[in-house]
Amino acid sequence: MNIFEALRESHVIQRDLAEQLLSTSGDTPERRELFERLKNELFAHAVAEDRYFYIPLMMTDSGLNITRHALAEHHKMDELLEQLTETAFSNPSWLAIAKKLSETVHHHLQEEEHGFFQQAGKILADTQKITLAEQYQREYRKYKKIDKDSLV
């Protein structure tokens, strides 16, 4: 598995959780659980991706701009997650913020998969892509809380 395949696995989970979250309403256990799962998925992915994808790219002149842009988008997602954490789940504005987060997540993943990955593919050596995937997965698992549903 290379770094791009490893990152895409989490992208699928992020999209699914973001879409499920938008179908919830009010202060329900379902909304709370989905939000916590999405928040943890985004956190574990971003930490591992920053360390084992973007930082190595940042070390090259040709990777610097895409890295800056991607890290700015990670920061925007963090800010939206913070807003959601500080807003009551029953507040009507909660869903509006969640929609902004979902749109930001979808935009970022689309940009990565259809732009950044192609550029990074030209920068990283084939062996480096495999090594980075292993490092990314180890770091991702370290920060990912155990999902009870995945144990069934």
Protein backbone atom coordinates (compact mmCIF):
# COMPACT_ATOMS: atom_id res chain seq x y z
CA MET A 1 0.00 0.00 0.00
CA ASN A 2 1.27 3.47 -0.81
CA ILE A 3 0.58 6.74 1.00
CA PHE A 4 -2.21 7.73 -1.39
CA GLU A 5 -4.12 4.49 -0.85
CA ALA A 6 -3.68 4.79 2.91
CA LEU A 7 -5.00 8.35 2.95
CA ARG A 8 -7.99 7.43 0.77
CA GLU A 9 -9.14 4.82 3.32
CA SER A 10 -9.70 7.56 5.88
CA HIS A 11 -11.21 9.85 3.23
CA VAL A 12 -14.00 7.32 2.66
CA ILE A 13 -14.75 7.26 6.41
CA GLN A 14 -14.68 11.06 6.64
CA ARG A 15 -17.15 11.50 3.78
CA ASP A 16 -19.50 8.88 5.19
CA LEU A 17 -19.48 10.30 8.73
CA ALA A 18 -19.95 13.88 7.48
CA GLU A 19 -22.95 12.85 5.39
CA GLN A 20 -24.49 10.84 8.23
CA LEU A 21 -24.03 13.73 10.64
CA LEU A 22 -25.99 16.08 8.38
CA SER A 23 -28.99 13.74 8.49
CA THR A 24 -29.31 14.11 12.27
CA SER A 25 -31.38 16.67 14.16
CA GLY A 26 -31.52 18.00 17.70
CA ASP A 27 -29.56 16.90 20.71
CA THR A 28 -29.72 13.15 20.17
CA PRO A 29 -27.33 10.34 21.10
CA GLU A 30 -26.93 9.62 17.37
CA ARG A 31 -25.79 13.18 16.61
CA ARG A 32 -23.41 13.19 19.58
CA GLU A 33 -21.89 9.82 18.60
CA LEU A 34 -21.48 10.70 14.92
CA PHE A 35 -19.93 14.05 15.81
CA GLU A 36 -17.42 12.41 18.16
CA ARG A 37 -16.56 9.79 15.55
CA LEU A 38 -16.07 12.42 12.83
CA LYS A 39 -14.07 14.65 15.15
CA ASN A 40 -11.76 11.77 16.08
CA GLU A 41 -11.43 10.61 12.47
CA LEU A 42 -10.48 14.09 11.30
CA PHE A 43 -8.02 14.52 14.16
CA ALA A 44 -6.27 11.15 13.76
CA HIS A 45 -6.09 11.59 10.00
CA ALA A 46 -4.80 15.18 10.13
CA VAL A 47 -2.08 14.46 12.68
CA ALA A 48 -0.78 11.46 10.75
CA GLU A 49 -1.22 13.13 7.34
CA ASP A 50 0.58 16.29 8.42
CA ARG A 51 3.53 14.33 9.79
CA TYR A 52 3.89 11.67 7.11
CA PHE A 53 2.60 13.34 3.97
CA TYR A 54 2.68 17.10 4.17
CA ILE A 55 5.88 17.62 6.16
CA PRO A 56 7.95 15.47 3.75
CA LEU A 57 6.40 17.41 0.84
CA MET A 58 7.12 20.71 2.57
CA MET A 59 10.80 19.84 2.49
CA THR A 60 10.79 20.24 -1.29
CA ASP A 61 10.40 23.50 -3.20
CA SER A 62 7.75 22.05 -5.48
CA GLY A 63 5.70 20.71 -2.55
CA LEU A 64 5.70 23.87 -0.47
CA ASN A 65 2.64 25.62 -1.94
CA ILE A 66 0.31 22.61 -1.89
CA THR A 67 1.40 21.90 1.67
CA ARG A 68 0.67 25.43 2.85
CA HIS A 69 -2.75 25.34 1.24
CA ALA A 70 -3.64 21.94 2.71
CA LEU A 71 -2.50 22.88 6.21
CA ALA A 72 -4.62 26.05 6.02
CA GLU A 73 -7.63 23.88 5.17
CA HIS A 74 -6.85 21.58 8.12
CA HIS A 75 -6.82 24.69 10.32
CA LYS A 76 -10.21 25.79 8.94
CA MET A 77 -11.67 22.36 9.77
CA ASP A 78 -10.24 22.59 13.30
CA GLU A 79 -11.94 25.96 13.75
CA LEU A 80 -15.29 24.59 12.58
CA LEU A 81 -14.95 21.58 14.90
CA GLU A 82 -14.26 23.98 17.77
CA GLN A 83 -17.36 26.01 16.90
CA LEU A 84 -19.45 22.83 16.86
CA THR A 85 -18.01 21.74 20.21
CA GLU A 86 -18.93 25.12 21.74
CA THR A 87 -22.46 25.20 20.25
CA ALA A 88 -25.35 23.32 21.85
CA PHE A 89 -26.36 20.28 19.79
CA SER A 90 -29.98 21.51 19.90
CA ASN A 91 -29.11 25.00 18.61
CA PRO A 92 -30.38 25.47 15.01
CA SER A 93 -27.04 27.02 14.05
CA TRP A 94 -25.28 23.74 14.95
CA LEU A 95 -26.47 22.11 11.73
CA ALA A 96 -25.45 25.15 9.66
CA ILE A 97 -21.92 24.92 11.07
CA ALA A 98 -21.91 21.16 10.48
CA LYS A 99 -22.84 21.81 6.83
CA LYS A 100 -19.89 24.22 6.50
CA LEU A 101 -17.63 21.56 8.01
CA SER A 102 -18.95 18.89 5.65
CA GLU A 103 -18.46 21.17 2.64
CA THR A 104 -14.92 22.01 3.77
CA VAL A 105 -14.07 18.33 4.31
CA HIS A 106 -15.48 17.33 0.91
CA HIS A 107 -13.68 20.20 -0.83
CA HIS A 108 -10.37 19.36 0.85
CA LEU A 109 -10.59 15.64 0.04
CA GLN A 110 -11.55 16.37 -3.57
CA GLU A 111 -8.60 18.74 -3.91
CA GLU A 112 -6.21 16.21 -2.40
CA GLU A 113 -7.37 13.29 -4.50
CA HIS A 114 -7.60 15.18 -7.79
CA GLY A 115 -4.70 17.60 -7.45
CA PHE A 116 -2.36 17.24 -4.52
CA PHE A 117 -1.87 13.49 -4.93
CA GLN A 118 -0.86 13.88 -8.57
CA GLN A 119 1.64 16.60 -7.70
CA ALA A 120 2.99 14.64 -4.73
CA GLY A 121 3.28 11.53 -6.91
CA LYS A 122 5.85 13.36 -9.00
CA ILE A 123 7.78 14.54 -5.93
CA LEU A 124 7.94 11.39 -3.78
CA ALA A 125 9.98 8.32 -4.73
CA ASP A 126 8.11 4.99 -4.99
CA THR A 127 9.88 3.54 -1.95
CA GLN A 128 9.14 6.71 0.01
CA LYS A 129 5.42 6.39 -0.84
CA ILE A 130 5.37 2.93 0.76
CA THR A 131 7.42 3.95 3.82
CA LEU A 132 5.23 7.02 4.38
CA ALA A 133 2.10 4.84 4.18
CA GLU A 134 3.43 2.57 6.93
CA GLN A 135 4.36 5.54 9.12
CA TYR A 136 1.04 7.25 8.43
CA GLN A 137 -0.97 4.14 9.34
CA ARG A 138 0.96 3.63 12.58
CA GLU A 139 0.40 7.25 13.61
CA TYR A 140 -3.24 7.22 12.49
CA ARG A 141 -3.99 4.12 14.59
CA LYS A 142 -2.26 5.71 17.58
CA TYR A 143 -4.68 8.64 17.58
CA LYS A 144 -7.77 6.80 16.41
CA LYS A 145 -10.07 5.80 19.26
CA ILE A 146 -11.34 2.27 19.03
CA ASP A 147 -14.64 2.26 17.20
CA LYS A 148 -16.95 -0.19 18.99
CA ASP A 149 -18.79 -0.90 15.72
CA SER A 150 -15.58 -2.05 14.02
CA LEU A 151 -15.08 -4.75 16.66
CA VAL A 152 -18.31 -6.54 15.78
